[in-house]
Amino acid sequence: MSAILFQMFNLILVLALLTVPVVITVLLLRHFSRKDKPAIQHEDYLIQKIRELEKRIEELEERL
């Protein structure tokens, strides 16, 4: 009885050890593939904010 239980635990352990790297790889690939598209939007947002700050600086310089 204990031998069957031991074999079942070994089977579960082996399956877990084989699937964990696959799951981590898939999650990492999904994460980095999604990073490319928002980075462009984020970059555009930063450029827009920089332009707004430049405009505000020019207005402040004109006041002085």
PDB file of N, CA and C in Angstrom:
ATOM      1  N   MET A   1       0.819  -1.189   0.000  1.00  0.00           N
ATOM      2  CA  MET A   1       0.000   0.000   0.000  1.00  0.00           C
ATOM      3  C   MET A   1       0.867   1.258   0.000  1.00  0.00           C
ATOM      4  N   SER A   2       1.897   1.262   0.832  1.00  0.00           N
ATOM      5  CA  SER A   2       2.732   2.456   0.913  1.00  0.00           C
ATOM      6  C   SER A   2       3.558   2.622  -0.365  1.00  0.00           C
ATOM      7  N   ALA A   3       3.856   1.521  -1.049  1.00  0.00           N
ATOM      8  CA  ALA A   3       4.623   1.623  -2.290  1.00  0.00           C
ATOM      9  C   ALA A   3       3.797   2.321  -3.370  1.00  0.00           C
ATOM     10  N   ILE A   4       2.517   2.026  -3.431  1.00  0.00           N
ATOM     11  CA  ILE A   4       1.645   2.677  -4.425  1.00  0.00           C
ATOM     12  C   ILE A   4       1.517   4.164  -4.102  1.00  0.00           C
ATOM     13  N   LEU A   5       1.367   4.478  -2.820  1.00  0.00           N
ATOM     14  CA  LEU A   5       1.277   5.876  -2.401  1.00  0.00           C
ATOM     15  C   LEU A   5       2.574   6.618  -2.725  1.00  0.00           C
ATOM     16  N   PHE A   6       3.705   5.984  -2.470  1.00  0.00           N
ATOM     17  CA  PHE A   6       5.009   6.579  -2.766  1.00  0.00           C
ATOM     18  C   PHE A   6       5.157   6.824  -4.268  1.00  0.00           C
ATOM     19  N   GLN A   7       4.735   5.869  -5.100  1.00  0.00           N
ATOM     20  CA  GLN A   7       4.812   6.033  -6.551  1.00  0.00           C
ATOM     21  C   GLN A   7       3.890   7.155  -7.034  1.00  0.00           C
ATOM     22  N   MET A   8       2.732   7.292  -6.426  1.00  0.00           N
ATOM     23  CA  MET A   8       1.819   8.365  -6.813  1.00  0.00           C
ATOM     24  C   MET A   8       2.423   9.733  -6.489  1.00  0.00           C
ATOM     25  N   PHE A   9       3.019   9.856  -5.300  1.00  0.00           N
ATOM     26  CA  PHE A   9       3.666  11.120  -4.944  1.00  0.00           C
ATOM     27  C   PHE A   9       4.839  11.411  -5.875  1.00  0.00           C
ATOM     28  N   ASN A  10       5.596  10.395  -6.233  1.00  0.00           N
ATOM     29  CA  ASN A  10       6.702  10.589  -7.169  1.00  0.00           C
ATOM     30  C   ASN A  10       6.190  11.027  -8.538  1.00  0.00           C
ATOM     31  N   LEU A  11       5.104  10.445  -8.988  1.00  0.00           N
ATOM     32  CA  LEU A  11       4.522  10.829 -10.273  1.00  0.00           C
ATOM     33  C   LEU A  11       4.052  12.279 -10.249  1.00  0.00           C
ATOM     34  N   ILE A  12       3.396  12.674  -9.172  1.00  0.00           N
ATOM     35  CA  ILE A  12       2.942  14.057  -9.045  1.00  0.00           C
ATOM     36  C   ILE A  12       4.134  15.009  -9.013  1.00  0.00           C
ATOM     37  N   LEU A  13       5.163  14.649  -8.294  1.00  0.00           N
ATOM     38  CA  LEU A  13       6.361  15.491  -8.203  1.00  0.00           C
ATOM     39  C   LEU A  13       7.039  15.640  -9.558  1.00  0.00           C
ATOM     40  N   VAL A  14       7.173  14.559 -10.292  1.00  0.00           N
ATOM     41  CA  VAL A  14       7.807  14.611 -11.609  1.00  0.00           C
ATOM     42  C   VAL A  14       6.972  15.458 -12.561  1.00  0.00           C
ATOM     43  N   LEU A  15       5.663  15.297 -12.559  1.00  0.00           N
ATOM     44  CA  LEU A  15       4.805  16.110 -13.431  1.00  0.00           C
ATOM     45  C   LEU A  15       4.907  17.591 -13.080  1.00  0.00           C
ATOM     46  N   ALA A  16       4.956  17.891 -11.805  1.00  0.00           N
ATOM     47  CA  ALA A  16       5.074  19.293 -11.384  1.00  0.00           C
ATOM     48  C   ALA A  16       6.417  19.864 -11.828  1.00  0.00           C
ATOM     49  N   LEU A  17       7.472  19.107 -11.661  1.00  0.00           N
ATOM     50  CA  LEU A  17       8.804  19.589 -12.037  1.00  0.00           C
ATOM     51  C   LEU A  17       8.941  19.755 -13.551  1.00  0.00           C
ATOM     52  N   LEU A  18       8.190  18.994 -14.320  1.00  0.00           N
ATOM     53  CA  LEU A  18       8.258  19.132 -15.780  1.00  0.00           C
ATOM     54  C   LEU A  18       7.369  20.268 -16.295  1.00  0.00           C
ATOM     55  N   THR A  19       6.285  20.545 -15.609  1.00  0.00           N
ATOM     56  CA  THR A  19       5.368  21.570 -16.106  1.00  0.00           C
ATOM     57  C   THR A  19       5.699  22.976 -15.632  1.00  0.00           C
ATOM     58  N   VAL A  20       6.335  23.119 -14.488  1.00  0.00           N
ATOM     59  CA  VAL A  20       6.635  24.453 -13.957  1.00  0.00           C
ATOM     60  C   VAL A  20       7.522  25.266 -14.909  1.00  0.00           C
ATOM     61  N   PRO A  21       8.610  24.734 -15.457  1.00  0.00           N
ATOM     62  CA  PRO A  21       9.409  25.545 -16.392  1.00  0.00           C
ATOM     63  C   PRO A  21       8.638  25.939 -17.658  1.00  0.00           C
ATOM     64  N   VAL A  22       7.773  25.064 -18.114  1.00  0.00           N
ATOM     65  CA  VAL A  22       6.972  25.384 -19.301  1.00  0.00           C
ATOM     66  C   VAL A  22       6.015  26.533 -18.997  1.00  0.00           C
ATOM     67  N   VAL A  23       5.363  26.471 -17.846  1.00  0.00           N
ATOM     68  CA  VAL A  23       4.423  27.526 -17.468  1.00  0.00           C
ATOM     69  C   VAL A  23       5.158  28.853 -17.290  1.00  0.00           C
ATOM     70  N   ILE A  24       6.305  28.834 -16.631  1.00  0.00           N
ATOM     71  CA  ILE A  24       7.081  30.065 -16.437  1.00  0.00           C
ATOM     72  C   ILE A  24       7.518  30.640 -17.776  1.00  0.00           C
ATOM     73  N   THR A  25       7.954  29.797 -18.701  1.00  0.00           N
ATOM     74  CA  THR A  25       8.370  30.266 -20.015  1.00  0.00           C
ATOM     75  C   THR A  25       7.218  30.907 -20.764  1.00  0.00           C
ATOM     76  N   VAL A  26       6.058  30.288 -20.736  1.00  0.00           N
ATOM     77  CA  VAL A  26       4.883  30.845 -21.425  1.00  0.00           C
ATOM     78  C   VAL A  26       4.498  32.187 -20.816  1.00  0.00           C
ATOM     79  N   LEU A  27       4.507  32.281 -19.498  1.00  0.00           N
ATOM     80  CA  LEU A  27       4.157  33.544 -18.842  1.00  0.00           C
ATOM     81  C   LEU A  27       5.156  34.645 -19.180  1.00  0.00           C
ATOM     82  N   LEU A  28       6.439  34.320 -19.199  1.00  0.00           N
ATOM     83  CA  LEU A  28       7.447  35.317 -19.549  1.00  0.00           C
ATOM     84  C   LEU A  28       7.311  35.772 -21.000  1.00  0.00           C
ATOM     85  N   LEU A  29       7.058  34.841 -21.899  1.00  0.00           N
ATOM     86  CA  LEU A  29       6.884  35.216 -23.307  1.00  0.00           C
ATOM     87  C   LEU A  29       5.668  36.106 -23.495  1.00  0.00           C
ATOM     88  N   ARG A  30       4.583  35.808 -22.820  1.00  0.00           N
ATOM     89  CA  ARG A  30       3.394  36.659 -22.917  1.00  0.00           C
ATOM     90  C   ARG A  30       3.668  38.040 -22.347  1.00  0.00           C
ATOM     91  N   HIS A  31       4.387  38.081 -21.236  1.00  0.00           N
ATOM     92  CA  HIS A  31       4.676  39.363 -20.595  1.00  0.00           C
ATOM     93  C   HIS A  31       5.526  40.252 -21.502  1.00  0.00           C
ATOM     94  N   PHE A  32       6.575  39.700 -22.083  1.00  0.00           N
ATOM     95  CA  PHE A  32       7.463  40.510 -22.904  1.00  0.00           C
ATOM     96  C   PHE A  32       6.879  40.809 -24.272  1.00  0.00           C
ATOM     97  N   SER A  33       5.979  39.990 -24.768  1.00  0.00           N
ATOM     98  CA  SER A  33       5.357  40.302 -26.053  1.00  0.00           C
ATOM     99  C   SER A  33       4.354  41.437 -25.900  1.00  0.00           C
ATOM    100  N   ARG A  34       3.760  41.599 -24.735  1.00  0.00           N
ATOM    101  CA  ARG A  34       2.817  42.687 -24.483  1.00  0.00           C
ATOM    102  C   ARG A  34       3.539  43.998 -24.205  1.00  0.00           C
ATOM    103  N   LYS A  35       4.777  43.951 -23.793  1.00  0.00           N
ATOM    104  CA  LYS A  35       5.512  45.158 -23.439  1.00  0.00           C
ATOM    105  C   LYS A  35       5.781  46.044 -24.646  1.00  0.00           C
ATOM    106  N   ASP A  36       5.882  45.488 -25.834  1.00  0.00           N
ATOM    107  CA  ASP A  36       6.273  46.266 -27.005  1.00  0.00           C
ATOM    108  C   ASP A  36       5.217  47.299 -27.380  1.00  0.00           C
ATOM    109  N   LYS A  37       3.972  46.934 -27.423  1.00  0.00           N
ATOM    110  CA  LYS A  37       2.921  47.841 -27.875  1.00  0.00           C
ATOM    111  C   LYS A  37       2.678  48.995 -26.902  1.00  0.00           C
ATOM    112  N   PRO A  38       2.504  48.760 -25.613  1.00  0.00           N
ATOM    113  CA  PRO A  38       2.289  49.890 -24.711  1.00  0.00           C
ATOM    114  C   PRO A  38       3.511  50.797 -24.591  1.00  0.00           C
ATOM    115  N   ALA A  39       4.695  50.293 -24.872  1.00  0.00           N
ATOM    116  CA  ALA A  39       5.890  51.126 -24.774  1.00  0.00           C
ATOM    117  C   ALA A  39       5.811  52.278 -25.764  1.00  0.00           C
ATOM    118  N   ILE A  40       5.275  52.025 -26.937  1.00  0.00           N
ATOM    119  CA  ILE A  40       5.130  53.078 -27.936  1.00  0.00           C
ATOM    120  C   ILE A  40       4.129  54.110 -27.445  1.00  0.00           C
ATOM    121  N   GLN A  41       3.015  53.666 -26.899  1.00  0.00           N
ATOM    122  CA  GLN A  41       2.019  54.584 -26.369  1.00  0.00           C
ATOM    123  C   GLN A  41       2.591  55.370 -25.188  1.00  0.00           C
ATOM    124  N   HIS A  42       3.354  54.705 -24.360  1.00  0.00           N
ATOM    125  CA  HIS A  42       3.965  55.356 -23.209  1.00  0.00           C
ATOM    126  C   HIS A  42       4.959  56.414 -23.681  1.00  0.00           C
ATOM    127  N   GLU A  43       5.691  56.091 -24.709  1.00  0.00           N
ATOM    128  CA  GLU A  43       6.660  57.033 -25.262  1.00  0.00           C
ATOM    129  C   GLU A  43       5.950  58.261 -25.833  1.00  0.00           C
ATOM    130  N   ASP A  44       4.863  58.043 -26.551  1.00  0.00           N
ATOM    131  CA  ASP A  44       4.084  59.162 -27.090  1.00  0.00           C
ATOM    132  C   ASP A  44       3.530  60.032 -25.969  1.00  0.00           C
ATOM    133  N   TYR A  45       3.079  59.406 -24.905  1.00  0.00           N
ATOM    134  CA  TYR A  45       2.555  60.146 -23.754  1.00  0.00           C
ATOM    135  C   TYR A  45       3.643  61.018 -23.138  1.00  0.00           C
ATOM    136  N   LEU A  46       4.846  60.455 -22.990  1.00  0.00           N
ATOM    137  CA  LEU A  46       5.945  61.227 -22.412  1.00  0.00           C
ATOM    138  C   LEU A  46       6.334  62.403 -23.299  1.00  0.00           C
ATOM    139  N   ILE A  47       6.353  62.180 -24.611  1.00  0.00           N
ATOM    140  CA  ILE A  47       6.679  63.264 -25.536  1.00  0.00           C
ATOM    141  C   ILE A  47       5.634  64.369 -25.439  1.00  0.00           C
ATOM    142  N   GLN A  48       4.385  64.002 -25.340  1.00  0.00           N
ATOM    143  CA  GLN A  48       3.312  64.987 -25.195  1.00  0.00           C
ATOM    144  C   GLN A  48       3.484  65.794 -23.901  1.00  0.00           C
ATOM    145  N   LYS A  49       3.798  65.126 -22.813  1.00  0.00           N
ATOM    146  CA  LYS A  49       3.992  65.817 -21.545  1.00  0.00           C
ATOM    147  C   LYS A  49       5.209  66.747 -21.601  1.00  0.00           C
ATOM    148  N   ILE A  50       6.262  66.336 -22.263  1.00  0.00           N
ATOM    149  CA  ILE A  50       7.444  67.181 -22.406  1.00  0.00           C
ATOM    150  C   ILE A  50       7.093  68.441 -23.190  1.00  0.00           C
ATOM    151  N   ARG A  51       6.333  68.293 -24.238  1.00  0.00           N
ATOM    152  CA  ARG A  51       5.918  69.466 -25.024  1.00  0.00           C
ATOM    153  C   ARG A  51       5.064  70.413 -24.189  1.00  0.00           C
ATOM    154  N   GLU A  52       4.169  69.856 -23.384  1.00  0.00           N
ATOM    155  CA  GLU A  52       3.352  70.697 -22.512  1.00  0.00           C
ATOM    156  C   GLU A  52       4.213  71.450 -21.507  1.00  0.00           C
ATOM    157  N   LEU A  53       5.212  70.775 -20.953  1.00  0.00           N
ATOM    158  CA  LEU A  53       6.105  71.439 -20.003  1.00  0.00           C
ATOM    159  C   LEU A  53       6.917  72.534 -20.680  1.00  0.00           C
ATOM    160  N   GLU A  54       7.370  72.285 -21.902  1.00  0.00           N
ATOM    161  CA  GLU A  54       8.109  73.304 -22.646  1.00  0.00           C
ATOM    162  C   GLU A  54       7.232  74.527 -22.887  1.00  0.00           C
ATOM    163  N   LYS A  55       5.977  74.283 -23.203  1.00  0.00           N
ATOM    164  CA  LYS A  55       5.039  75.377 -23.433  1.00  0.00           C
ATOM    165  C   LYS A  55       4.834  76.191 -22.153  1.00  0.00           C
ATOM    166  N   ARG A  56       4.719  75.501 -21.041  1.00  0.00           N
ATOM    167  CA  ARG A  56       4.546  76.196 -19.761  1.00  0.00           C
ATOM    168  C   ARG A  56       5.783  76.992 -19.393  1.00  0.00           C
ATOM    169  N   ILE A  57       6.952  76.447 -19.671  1.00  0.00           N
ATOM    170  CA  ILE A  57       8.198  77.164 -19.393  1.00  0.00           C
ATOM    171  C   ILE A  57       8.274  78.431 -20.231  1.00  0.00           C
ATOM    172  N   GLU A  58       7.917  78.331 -21.493  1.00  0.00           N
ATOM    173  CA  GLU A  58       7.932  79.508 -22.356  1.00  0.00           C
ATOM    174  C   GLU A  58       6.971  80.573 -21.847  1.00  0.00           C
ATOM    175  N   GLU A  59       5.791  80.178 -21.389  1.00  0.00           N
ATOM    176  CA  GLU A  59       4.838  81.133 -20.839  1.00  0.00           C
ATOM    177  C   GLU A  59       5.376  81.813 -19.592  1.00  0.00           C
ATOM    178  N   LEU A  60       6.035  81.043 -18.734  1.00  0.00           N
ATOM    179  CA  LEU A  60       6.627  81.624 -17.524  1.00  0.00           C
ATOM    180  C   LEU A  60       7.761  82.584 -17.876  1.00  0.00           C
ATOM    181  N   GLU A  61       8.555  82.238 -18.885  1.00  0.00           N
ATOM    182  CA  GLU A  61       9.652  83.127 -19.290  1.00  0.00           C
ATOM    183  C   GLU A  61       9.101  84.427 -19.861  1.00  0.00           C
ATOM    184  N   GLU A  62       7.968  84.352 -20.566  1.00  0.00           N
ATOM    185  CA  GLU A  62       7.383  85.559 -21.120  1.00  0.00           C
ATOM    186  C   GLU A  62       6.850  86.471 -20.026  1.00  0.00           C
ATOM    187  N   ARG A  63       6.358  85.889 -18.946  1.00  0.00           N
ATOM    188  CA  ARG A  63       5.843  86.691 -17.840  1.00  0.00           C
ATOM    189  C   ARG A  63       6.967  87.457 -17.141  1.00  0.00           C
ATOM    190  N   LEU A  64       8.148  86.870 -17.118  1.00  0.00           N
ATOM    191  CA  LEU A  64       9.273  87.546 -16.459  1.00  0.00           C
ATOM    192  C   LEU A  64       9.870  88.488 -17.442  1.00  0.00           C
TER     193      LEU A  64
END
